[in-house]
PDB file of N, CA and C in Angstrom:
ATOM      1  N   GLN A   1     105.414 103.166 113.831  1.00  0.00           N
ATOM      2  CA  GLN A   1     104.553 104.493 113.207  1.00  0.00           C
ATOM      3  C   GLN A   1     104.285 105.474 112.894  1.00  0.00           C
ATOM      4  N   PRO A   2     104.567 106.347 112.118  1.00  0.00           N
ATOM      5  CA  PRO A   2     103.964 108.396 113.143  1.00  0.00           C
ATOM      6  C   PRO A   2     102.716 108.395 113.687  1.00  0.00           C
ATOM      7  N   ALA A   3     102.324 109.810 114.331  1.00  0.00           N
ATOM      8  CA  ALA A   3     101.326 109.506 115.399  1.00  0.00           C
ATOM      9  C   ALA A   3     100.495 109.802 114.209  1.00  0.00           C
ATOM     10  N   ALA A   4     100.438 110.198 113.095  1.00  0.00           N
ATOM     11  CA  ALA A   4      99.734 110.607 111.695  1.00  0.00           C
ATOM     12  C   ALA A   4      99.163 109.622 111.158  1.00  0.00           C
ATOM     13  N   SER A   5      99.256 108.423 112.320  1.00  0.00           N
ATOM     14  CA  SER A   5      98.866 106.634 110.668  1.00  0.00           C
ATOM     15  C   SER A   5      97.411 106.445 112.429  1.00  0.00           C
ATOM     16  N   LEU A   6      97.859 107.450 113.548  1.00  0.00           N
ATOM     17  CA  LEU A   6      96.937 106.628 114.345  1.00  0.00           C
ATOM     18  C   LEU A   6      95.136 107.202 113.675  1.00  0.00           C
ATOM     19  N   GLY A   7      94.825 108.317 113.280  1.00  0.00           N
ATOM     20  CA  GLY A   7      93.516 108.145 112.983  1.00  0.00           C
ATOM     21  C   GLY A   7      93.311 107.908 112.158  1.00  0.00           C
ATOM     22  N   VAL A   8      93.947 107.000 110.951  1.00  0.00           N
ATOM     23  CA  VAL A   8      93.446 105.787 110.238  1.00  0.00           C
ATOM     24  C   VAL A   8      93.433 104.392 110.918  1.00  0.00           C
ATOM     25  N   ALA A   9      94.534 104.197 111.700  1.00  0.00           N
ATOM     26  CA  ALA A   9      94.117 102.635 112.160  1.00  0.00           C
ATOM     27  C   ALA A   9      92.774 103.156 113.586  1.00  0.00           C
ATOM     28  N   GLY A  10      91.878 104.226 113.927  1.00  0.00           N
ATOM     29  CA  GLY A  10      91.010 104.248 114.184  1.00  0.00           C
ATOM     30  C   GLY A  10      90.133 104.161 114.309  1.00  0.00           C
ATOM     31  N   LYS A  11      90.286 104.825 112.480  1.00  0.00           N
ATOM     32  CA  LYS A  11      89.044 104.923 111.733  1.00  0.00           C
ATOM     33  C   LYS A  11      88.597 103.056 111.038  1.00  0.00           C
ATOM     34  N   GLN A  12      89.647 102.684 111.092  1.00  0.00           N
ATOM     35  CA  GLN A  12      89.657 100.851 110.466  1.00  0.00           C
ATOM     36  C   GLN A  12      89.554 100.751 111.965  1.00  0.00           C
ATOM     37  N   ALA A  13      89.512 100.368 113.014  1.00  0.00           N
ATOM     38  CA  ALA A  13      88.676  99.839 113.613  1.00  0.00           C
ATOM     39  C   ALA A  13      87.414 100.385 114.800  1.00  0.00           C
ATOM     40  N   GLY A  14      87.585 101.281 113.690  1.00  0.00           N
ATOM     41  CA  GLY A  14      85.158 101.962 113.650  1.00  0.00           C
ATOM     42  C   GLY A  14      85.460 102.838 115.389  1.00  0.00           C
ATOM     43  N   ALA A  15      86.721 103.759 115.119  1.00  0.00           N
ATOM     44  CA  ALA A  15      86.100 104.460 115.985  1.00  0.00           C
ATOM     45  C   ALA A  15      85.916 106.138 115.373  1.00  0.00           C
ATOM     46  N   TYR A  16      85.350 107.069 115.726  1.00  0.00           N
ATOM     47  CA  TYR A  16      84.946 108.052 115.949  1.00  0.00           C
ATOM     48  C   TYR A  16      85.702 108.868 115.506  1.00  0.00           C
ATOM     49  N   VAL A  17      87.005 109.117 114.651  1.00  0.00           N
ATOM     50  CA  VAL A  17      87.334 110.349 114.645  1.00  0.00           C
ATOM     51  C   VAL A  17      87.381 111.971 114.596  1.00  0.00           C
ATOM     52  N   VAL A  18      88.031 112.840 114.936  1.00  0.00           N
ATOM     53  CA  VAL A  18      87.854 113.841 114.277  1.00  0.00           C
ATOM     54  C   VAL A  18      89.433 114.845 115.237  1.00  0.00           C
ATOM     55  N   GLU A  19      89.024 115.241 113.296  1.00  0.00           N
ATOM     56  CA  GLU A  19      91.029 116.020 113.240  1.00  0.00           C
ATOM     57  C   GLU A  19      90.943 117.172 113.303  1.00  0.00           C
ATOM     58  N   ILE A  20      91.819 117.596 114.196  1.00  0.00           N
ATOM     59  CA  ILE A  20      92.281 119.357 114.267  1.00  0.00           C
ATOM     60  C   ILE A  20      93.212 119.808 113.783  1.00  0.00           C
ATOM     61  N   ASN A  21      93.411 120.737 113.345  1.00  0.00           N
ATOM     62  CA  ASN A  21      94.590 120.250 111.841  1.00  0.00           C
ATOM     63  C   ASN A  21      94.582 122.063 112.037  1.00  0.00           C
ATOM     64  N   ILE A  22      95.734 122.877 111.101  1.00  0.00           N
ATOM     65  CA  ILE A  22      96.095 123.835 110.684  1.00  0.00           C
ATOM     66  C   ILE A  22      95.446 124.315 109.613  1.00  0.00           C
ATOM     67  N   GLU A  23      95.520 123.098 108.592  1.00  0.00           N
ATOM     68  CA  GLU A  23      95.261 122.315 107.543  1.00  0.00           C
ATOM     69  C   GLU A  23      94.477 121.877 107.034  1.00  0.00           C
ATOM     70  N   GLN A  24      94.218 121.560 105.675  1.00  0.00           N
ATOM     71  CA  GLN A  24      93.793 119.903 105.272  1.00  0.00           C
ATOM     72  C   GLN A  24      94.898 119.149 105.333  1.00  0.00           C
ATOM     73  N   THR A  25      94.630 117.505 105.652  1.00  0.00           N
ATOM     74  CA  THR A  25      95.677 116.939 105.638  1.00  0.00           C
ATOM     75  C   THR A  25      94.894 115.081 104.657  1.00  0.00           C
ATOM     76  N   PRO A  26      95.793 114.529 104.136  1.00  0.00           N
ATOM     77  CA  PRO A  26      95.007 112.915 104.137  1.00  0.00           C
ATOM     78  C   PRO A  26      94.386 112.660 104.333  1.00  0.00           C
ATOM     79  N   LEU A  27      94.326 112.983 105.675  1.00  0.00           N
ATOM     80  CA  LEU A  27      93.752 112.574 106.958  1.00  0.00           C
ATOM     81  C   LEU A  27      92.312 112.894 107.035  1.00  0.00           C
ATOM     82  N   SER A  28      91.781 114.077 106.511  1.00  0.00           N
ATOM     83  CA  SER A  28      90.670 115.014 106.378  1.00  0.00           C
ATOM     84  C   SER A  28      89.354 114.358 105.594  1.00  0.00           C
ATOM     85  N   ASP A  29      89.936 113.582 104.489  1.00  0.00           N
ATOM     86  CA  ASP A  29      88.759 112.826 103.778  1.00  0.00           C
ATOM     87  C   ASP A  29      88.222 111.943 104.062  1.00  0.00           C
ATOM     88  N   ILE A  30      89.279 111.392 105.094  1.00  0.00           N
ATOM     89  CA  ILE A  30      88.579 109.797 105.759  1.00  0.00           C
ATOM     90  C   ILE A  30      87.729 110.154 107.755  1.00  0.00           C
ATOM     91  N   ALA A  31      88.069 111.616 108.064  1.00  0.00           N
ATOM     92  CA  ALA A  31      88.130 111.745 108.892  1.00  0.00           C
ATOM     93  C   ALA A  31      86.748 111.894 109.279  1.00  0.00           C
ATOM     94  N   ASP A  32      85.254 111.887 110.352  1.00  0.00           N
ATOM     95  CA  ASP A  32      84.399 111.928 110.541  1.00  0.00           C
ATOM     96  C   ASP A  32      84.349 113.504 110.740  1.00  0.00           C
ATOM     97  N   GLU A  33      85.406 114.045 111.379  1.00  0.00           N
ATOM     98  CA  GLU A  33      84.908 115.570 111.814  1.00  0.00           C
ATOM     99  C   GLU A  33      86.620 116.466 111.155  1.00  0.00           C
ATOM    100  N   THR A  34      86.394 117.276 110.493  1.00  0.00           N
ATOM    101  CA  THR A  34      87.864 118.270 110.362  1.00  0.00           C
ATOM    102  C   THR A  34      87.352 119.741 111.198  1.00  0.00           C
ATOM    103  N   ARG A  35      88.645 119.884 112.219  1.00  0.00           N
ATOM    104  CA  ARG A  35      88.124 120.660 112.379  1.00  0.00           C
ATOM    105  C   ARG A  35      90.080 121.748 112.291  1.00  0.00           C
ATOM    106  N   ILE A  36      89.504 123.064 110.998  1.00  0.00           N
ATOM    107  CA  ILE A  36      91.001 124.112 110.757  1.00  0.00           C
ATOM    108  C   ILE A  36      91.331 125.019 111.676  1.00  0.00           C
ATOM    109  N   GLY A  37      92.012 125.278 112.089  1.00  0.00           N
ATOM    110  CA  GLY A  37      92.140 126.077 113.559  1.00  0.00           C
ATOM    111  C   GLY A  37      94.066 125.821 114.436  1.00  0.00           C
ATOM    112  N   LYS A  38      93.660 126.581 115.399  1.00  0.00           N
ATOM    113  CA  LYS A  38      94.901 126.370 116.288  1.00  0.00           C
ATOM    114  C   LYS A  38      94.315 125.290 117.277  1.00  0.00           C
ATOM    115  N   ALA A  39      94.831 124.070 117.697  1.00  0.00           N
ATOM    116  CA  ALA A  39      94.059 123.455 118.050  1.00  0.00           C
ATOM    117  C   ALA A  39      94.074 123.976 120.042  1.00  0.00           C
ATOM    118  N   SER A  40      94.473 124.406 120.281  1.00  0.00           N
ATOM    119  CA  SER A  40      94.111 125.300 121.496  1.00  0.00           C
ATOM    120  C   SER A  40      92.949 125.979 121.496  1.00  0.00           C
ATOM    121  N   ASP A  41      92.861 126.658 120.276  1.00  0.00           N
ATOM    122  CA  ASP A  41      92.070 127.756 119.943  1.00  0.00           C
ATOM    123  C   ASP A  41      90.183 126.575 120.182  1.00  0.00           C
ATOM    124  N   ILE A  42      90.468 125.774 119.190  1.00  0.00           N
ATOM    125  CA  ILE A  42      89.642 124.476 119.232  1.00  0.00           C
ATOM    126  C   ILE A  42      89.124 124.468 120.004  1.00  0.00           C
ATOM    127  N   LEU A  43      89.593 123.341 120.946  1.00  0.00           N
ATOM    128  CA  LEU A  43      89.934 122.337 121.826  1.00  0.00           C
ATOM    129  C   LEU A  43      89.412 123.465 123.321  1.00  0.00           C
ATOM    130  N   THR A  44      89.702 124.532 123.456  1.00  0.00           N
ATOM    131  CA  THR A  44      88.446 125.904 124.253  1.00  0.00           C
ATOM    132  C   THR A  44      87.524 125.734 124.240  1.00  0.00           C
ATOM    133  N   ASP A  45      87.005 126.461 122.173  1.00  0.00           N
ATOM    134  CA  ASP A  45      86.002 126.077 122.121  1.00  0.00           C
ATOM    135  C   ASP A  45      84.895 125.722 122.031  1.00  0.00           C
ATOM    136  N   LEU A  46      85.286 123.633 122.666  1.00  0.00           N
ATOM    137  CA  LEU A  46      85.103 122.998 122.572  1.00  0.00           C
ATOM    138  C   LEU A  46      84.982 122.385 123.915  1.00  0.00           C
ATOM    139  N   LEU A  47      85.639 122.983 124.761  1.00  0.00           N
ATOM    140  CA  LEU A  47      85.585 122.545 126.006  1.00  0.00           C
ATOM    141  C   LEU A  47      84.588 123.810 126.972  1.00  0.00           C
ATOM    142  N   SER A  48      83.909 124.509 126.115  1.00  0.00           N
ATOM    143  CA  SER A  48      83.244 126.269 126.994  1.00  0.00           C
ATOM    144  C   SER A  48      81.464 125.759 126.767  1.00  0.00           C
TER     145      SER A  48
END
């Protein structure tokens, strides 16, 4: 299975899913949160 399926599997198992990507994807519709941008920028903001 590709890594892209991990979000779907997590959601099906009851996980809170946060998508971080430079653009919307099919996962965006089921994720609890979608953050659009570079992962390095978003993670830096989240951790500060």
